[in-house]
């Protein structure tokens, strides 16, 4: 269960990356996302949200 969620960006030699940091009781999970991966994550969340609204 997430206790905190933070977002940010960093730049590397290939461009910008989005960073999603999720703090949980078990520890910290950092996820680096390129733009296509971020878009896929957004689409997945929208799909989940739509299905939950049907319940």
Protein backbone atom coordinates (compact mmCIF):
# COMPACT_ATOMS: atom_id res chain seq x y z
CA UNK A 1 0.00 0.00 0.00
CA UNK A 2 1.57 3.31 -1.04
CA UNK A 3 2.13 5.81 1.74
CA UNK A 4 3.48 8.58 -0.53
CA UNK A 5 3.84 9.14 -4.26
CA UNK A 6 6.24 11.71 -5.75
CA UNK A 7 7.03 12.62 -9.35
CA UNK A 8 9.97 14.38 -10.97
CA UNK A 9 12.23 14.43 -13.99
CA UNK A 10 15.92 13.94 -14.67
CA UNK A 11 17.96 14.43 -17.83
CA UNK A 12 20.44 11.95 -19.23
CA UNK A 13 22.38 11.76 -22.48
CA UNK A 14 19.23 10.54 -24.30
CA UNK A 15 16.87 13.24 -22.98
CA UNK A 16 14.43 13.62 -20.13
CA UNK A 17 13.11 10.76 -18.01
CA UNK A 18 10.11 10.89 -15.72
CA UNK A 19 10.67 9.53 -12.23
CA UNK A 20 7.80 8.02 -10.26
CA UNK A 21 8.74 7.38 -6.61
CA UNK A 22 6.36 5.28 -4.55
CA UNK A 23 6.98 4.99 -0.83
CA UNK A 24 5.49 1.89 0.77
CA UNK A 25 5.74 0.21 4.14
CA UNK A 26 8.21 -2.21 2.50
CA UNK A 27 10.47 0.54 1.15
CA UNK A 28 10.99 2.91 -1.76
CA UNK A 29 10.20 2.01 -5.37
CA UNK A 30 11.64 4.36 -8.02
CA UNK A 31 10.52 3.92 -11.62
CA UNK A 32 12.20 5.76 -14.52
CA UNK A 33 9.90 6.32 -17.50
CA UNK A 34 10.64 7.37 -21.06
CA UNK A 35 7.76 9.27 -22.74
CA UNK A 36 6.24 6.17 -24.45
CA UNK A 37 6.32 4.23 -21.17
CA UNK A 38 4.71 7.15 -19.34
CA UNK A 39 1.94 7.28 -21.96
CA UNK A 40 1.37 3.52 -21.64
CA UNK A 41 1.11 3.90 -17.86
CA UNK A 42 -1.41 6.72 -18.23
CA UNK A 43 -3.50 4.61 -20.61
CA UNK A 44 -3.43 1.67 -18.20
CA UNK A 45 -4.56 3.85 -15.30
CA UNK A 46 -7.40 5.34 -17.36
CA UNK A 47 -8.51 1.81 -18.27
CA UNK A 48 -8.45 0.71 -14.63
CA UNK A 49 -10.31 3.86 -13.55
CA UNK A 50 -13.00 3.25 -16.19
CA UNK A 51 -13.49 -0.35 -15.05
CA UNK A 52 -13.69 0.68 -11.39
CA UNK A 53 -16.37 3.27 -12.23
CA UNK A 54 -18.53 0.46 -13.64
CA UNK A 55 -18.58 -1.38 -10.33
